[in-house]
Amino acid sequence: MIILGIDPGYAIVGWGVIEYKGTSHRPVAFGAITTEAHTDFNQRLEQIYNDTVELIGHAKPDAMSIEKLYFNTNTTTAIQVAQARGVILLAAQQARIPVYEYTPLQVKTAVTGYGRALKPQVMEMTRRLLHLKEVPKPDDTADALAIAITHTQAAGTNLRDTMMKRGIK
């Protein structure tokens, strides 16, 4: 099964594509969609959408896993991230890719086994699970890979059902 993990943002959208077979994960590709800070926000959204469509076309994922939006203190930033997330979800919907959402707590638990793990711990376990020489940069890319791994750990029956329907074992 090919899974596209997304760490949404509007300046940087981390992405990671992994292949999951049985109990093993293999990195396929990873990187980031970046937009320029002083560009019109609508143009930034258009770039994120177009790049996501292109990424989906190349990766041909069976599923997309994306981090759920959570509000911290800066609601303006949260609203902008939500808008970027919306165009990413639209790209997945148009490609008919099932989307699974995970909270930061779920990602930490799935990757490290501990819901209060620190970011460096999550990044190091992601590196280890994917047998990478170093943690991918920027951090958003490593986060996206962790989100993809989370789908393999947390989806449970949904993942098995999808794999069975597609004849993947």
Protein backbone atom coordinates (compact mmCIF):
# COMPACT_ATOMS: atom_id res chain seq x y z
CA MET A 1 0.00 0.00 0.00
CA ILE A 2 1.28 3.47 -0.90
CA ILE A 3 0.51 6.17 1.66
CA LEU A 4 0.98 9.91 1.20
CA GLY A 5 1.49 11.69 4.50
CA ILE A 6 0.87 15.44 4.68
CA ASP A 7 1.88 17.97 7.33
CA PRO A 8 -0.26 20.93 6.24
CA GLY A 9 0.85 24.54 6.27
CA TYR A 10 0.84 27.54 3.98
CA ALA A 11 4.54 28.43 4.01
CA ILE A 12 5.71 24.82 4.06
CA VAL A 13 3.66 21.70 3.37
CA GLY A 14 5.65 18.64 4.34
CA TRP A 15 4.95 15.49 2.37
CA GLY A 16 6.16 11.92 2.51
CA VAL A 17 5.29 8.86 0.48
CA ILE A 18 5.87 5.45 2.00
CA GLU A 19 5.16 1.90 0.92
CA TYR A 20 3.77 -0.41 3.57
CA LYS A 21 3.88 -4.19 3.16
CA GLY A 22 3.09 -6.55 5.99
CA THR A 23 4.93 -4.93 8.85
CA SER A 24 7.61 -3.01 6.98
CA HIS A 25 7.78 0.60 5.85
CA ARG A 26 9.82 1.82 2.91
CA PRO A 27 10.30 5.47 2.03
CA VAL A 28 9.42 6.16 -1.59
CA ALA A 29 9.87 9.94 -1.76
CA PHE A 30 9.60 12.94 0.53
CA GLY A 31 9.97 16.69 0.43
CA ALA A 32 8.15 19.94 0.94
CA ILE A 33 5.97 22.32 -1.00
CA THR A 34 7.13 25.83 -0.16
CA THR A 35 5.55 29.18 -0.92
CA GLU A 36 7.15 32.62 -0.79
CA ALA A 37 6.30 34.76 2.23
CA HIS A 38 5.35 37.95 0.39
CA THR A 39 3.24 36.29 -2.29
CA ASP A 40 -0.51 36.94 -2.40
CA PHE A 41 -2.16 34.36 -0.13
CA ASN A 42 -4.56 33.18 -2.85
CA GLN A 43 -1.59 32.52 -5.12
CA ARG A 44 0.05 30.54 -2.35
CA LEU A 45 -3.09 28.40 -2.04
CA GLU A 46 -3.13 27.88 -5.80
CA GLN A 47 0.50 26.74 -5.74
CA ILE A 48 -0.18 24.33 -2.86
CA TYR A 49 -3.17 22.91 -4.72
CA ASN A 50 -1.31 22.54 -8.04
CA ASP A 51 1.76 20.99 -6.42
CA THR A 52 -0.42 18.58 -4.44
CA VAL A 53 -2.26 17.52 -7.61
CA GLU A 54 1.09 16.92 -9.30
CA LEU A 55 2.41 15.00 -6.29
CA ILE A 56 -0.67 12.77 -6.19
CA GLY A 57 -0.30 12.14 -9.92
CA HIS A 58 3.30 10.98 -9.49
CA ALA A 59 2.90 9.03 -6.24
CA LYS A 60 -0.46 7.41 -7.01
CA PRO A 61 -1.17 6.80 -3.32
CA ASP A 62 -3.78 4.36 -2.05
CA ALA A 63 -4.46 6.66 0.91
CA MET A 64 -3.59 10.09 2.25
CA SER A 65 -2.98 10.70 5.93
CA ILE A 66 -3.00 14.28 7.12
CA GLU A 67 -2.57 15.97 10.46
CA LYS A 68 -5.77 17.22 12.04
CA LEU A 69 -5.83 20.93 12.62
CA TYR A 70 -5.66 22.04 16.20
CA PHE A 71 -5.87 25.59 17.52
CA ASN A 72 -3.11 26.88 19.68
CA THR A 73 -3.02 30.59 20.47
CA ASN A 74 -2.69 32.17 17.03
CA THR A 75 -6.11 31.85 15.37
CA THR A 76 -5.02 33.84 12.29
CA THR A 77 -2.33 31.27 11.53
CA ALA A 78 -4.75 28.42 12.25
CA ILE A 79 -7.26 29.84 9.79
CA GLN A 80 -4.61 30.17 7.08
CA VAL A 81 -3.40 26.60 7.70
CA ALA A 82 -7.04 25.46 7.53
CA GLN A 83 -7.39 27.11 4.12
CA ALA A 84 -4.22 25.40 2.86
CA ARG A 85 -5.47 22.13 4.30
CA GLY A 86 -8.72 22.65 2.40
CA VAL A 87 -7.03 22.84 -1.00
CA ILE A 88 -4.96 19.75 -0.14
CA LEU A 89 -8.12 17.84 0.80
CA LEU A 90 -9.78 19.03 -2.42
CA ALA A 91 -6.88 17.63 -4.46
CA ALA A 92 -7.24 14.27 -2.69
CA GLN A 93 -11.02 14.24 -3.15
CA GLN A 94 -10.74 15.00 -6.85
CA ALA A 95 -8.30 12.10 -7.22
CA ARG A 96 -10.69 9.88 -5.20
CA ILE A 97 -8.04 9.10 -2.60
CA PRO A 98 -9.36 8.16 0.85
CA VAL A 99 -8.18 10.63 3.49
CA TYR A 100 -7.42 9.74 7.11
CA GLU A 101 -6.83 12.40 9.76
CA TYR A 102 -4.66 12.04 12.83
CA THR A 103 -4.02 14.28 15.82
CA PRO A 104 -0.47 15.07 17.01
CA LEU A 105 -1.15 12.82 20.02
CA GLN A 106 -2.05 9.91 17.71
CA VAL A 107 1.10 10.49 15.65
CA LYS A 108 3.34 10.53 18.73
CA THR A 109 1.71 7.39 20.10
CA ALA A 110 1.86 5.48 16.82
CA VAL A 111 5.49 6.33 16.07
CA THR A 112 7.05 6.27 19.55
CA GLY A 113 4.52 4.43 21.70
CA TYR A 114 4.27 7.47 23.98
CA GLY A 115 1.72 10.26 23.46
CA ARG A 116 3.83 12.88 25.22
CA ALA A 117 6.98 12.19 23.21
CA LEU A 118 9.02 15.22 22.24
CA LYS A 119 9.42 16.23 18.61
CA PRO A 120 13.07 15.04 18.40
CA GLN A 121 11.98 11.61 19.67
CA VAL A 122 9.27 11.36 16.99
CA MET A 123 11.72 12.43 14.31
CA GLU A 124 14.35 9.91 15.42
CA MET A 125 11.85 7.04 15.51
CA THR A 126 10.61 8.04 12.05
CA ARG A 127 14.20 7.90 10.81
CA ARG A 128 14.69 4.47 12.38
CA LEU A 129 11.40 3.00 11.14
CA LEU A 130 12.21 4.08 7.59
CA HIS A 131 15.92 3.12 7.83
CA LEU A 132 17.05 6.60 6.80
CA LYS A 133 20.60 7.81 7.38
CA GLU A 134 19.37 11.09 8.82
CA VAL A 135 16.16 12.85 9.78
CA PRO A 136 14.67 14.51 6.69
CA LYS A 137 14.65 18.29 6.54
CA PRO A 138 12.73 20.50 6.87
CA ASP A 139 11.00 19.24 10.02
CA ASP A 140 7.66 19.38 8.20
CA THR A 141 8.90 16.62 5.89
CA ALA A 142 9.83 14.37 8.80
CA ASP A 143 6.44 15.13 10.34
CA ALA A 144 4.70 14.11 7.11
CA LEU A 145 6.53 10.78 7.08
CA ALA A 146 5.50 10.23 10.71
CA ILE A 147 1.89 10.96 9.73
CA ALA A 148 2.13 8.37 6.94
CA ILE A 149 3.56 5.82 9.38
CA THR A 150 0.72 6.61 11.77
CA HIS A 151 -1.78 5.48 9.18
CA THR A 152 -0.13 2.06 9.02
CA GLN A 153 -0.21 1.76 12.81
CA ALA A 154 -3.53 3.40 13.68
CA ALA A 155 -5.88 2.65 10.83
CA GLY A 156 -6.39 -0.93 11.98
CA THR A 157 -9.44 -2.44 10.41
CA ASN A 158 -9.85 0.40 7.91
CA LEU A 159 -6.36 -0.24 6.56
CA ARG A 160 -6.86 -3.99 6.41
CA ASP A 161 -10.22 -3.52 4.66
CA THR A 162 -8.67 -1.20 2.07
CA MET A 163 -5.78 -3.58 1.48
CA MET A 164 -8.14 -6.56 1.13
CA LYS A 165 -10.35 -4.70 -1.36
CA ARG A 166 -7.28 -3.92 -3.47
CA GLY A 167 -5.82 -7.42 -3.16
CA ILE A 168 -2.80 -6.19 -1.20
CA LYS A 169 -1.42 -8.52 1.48
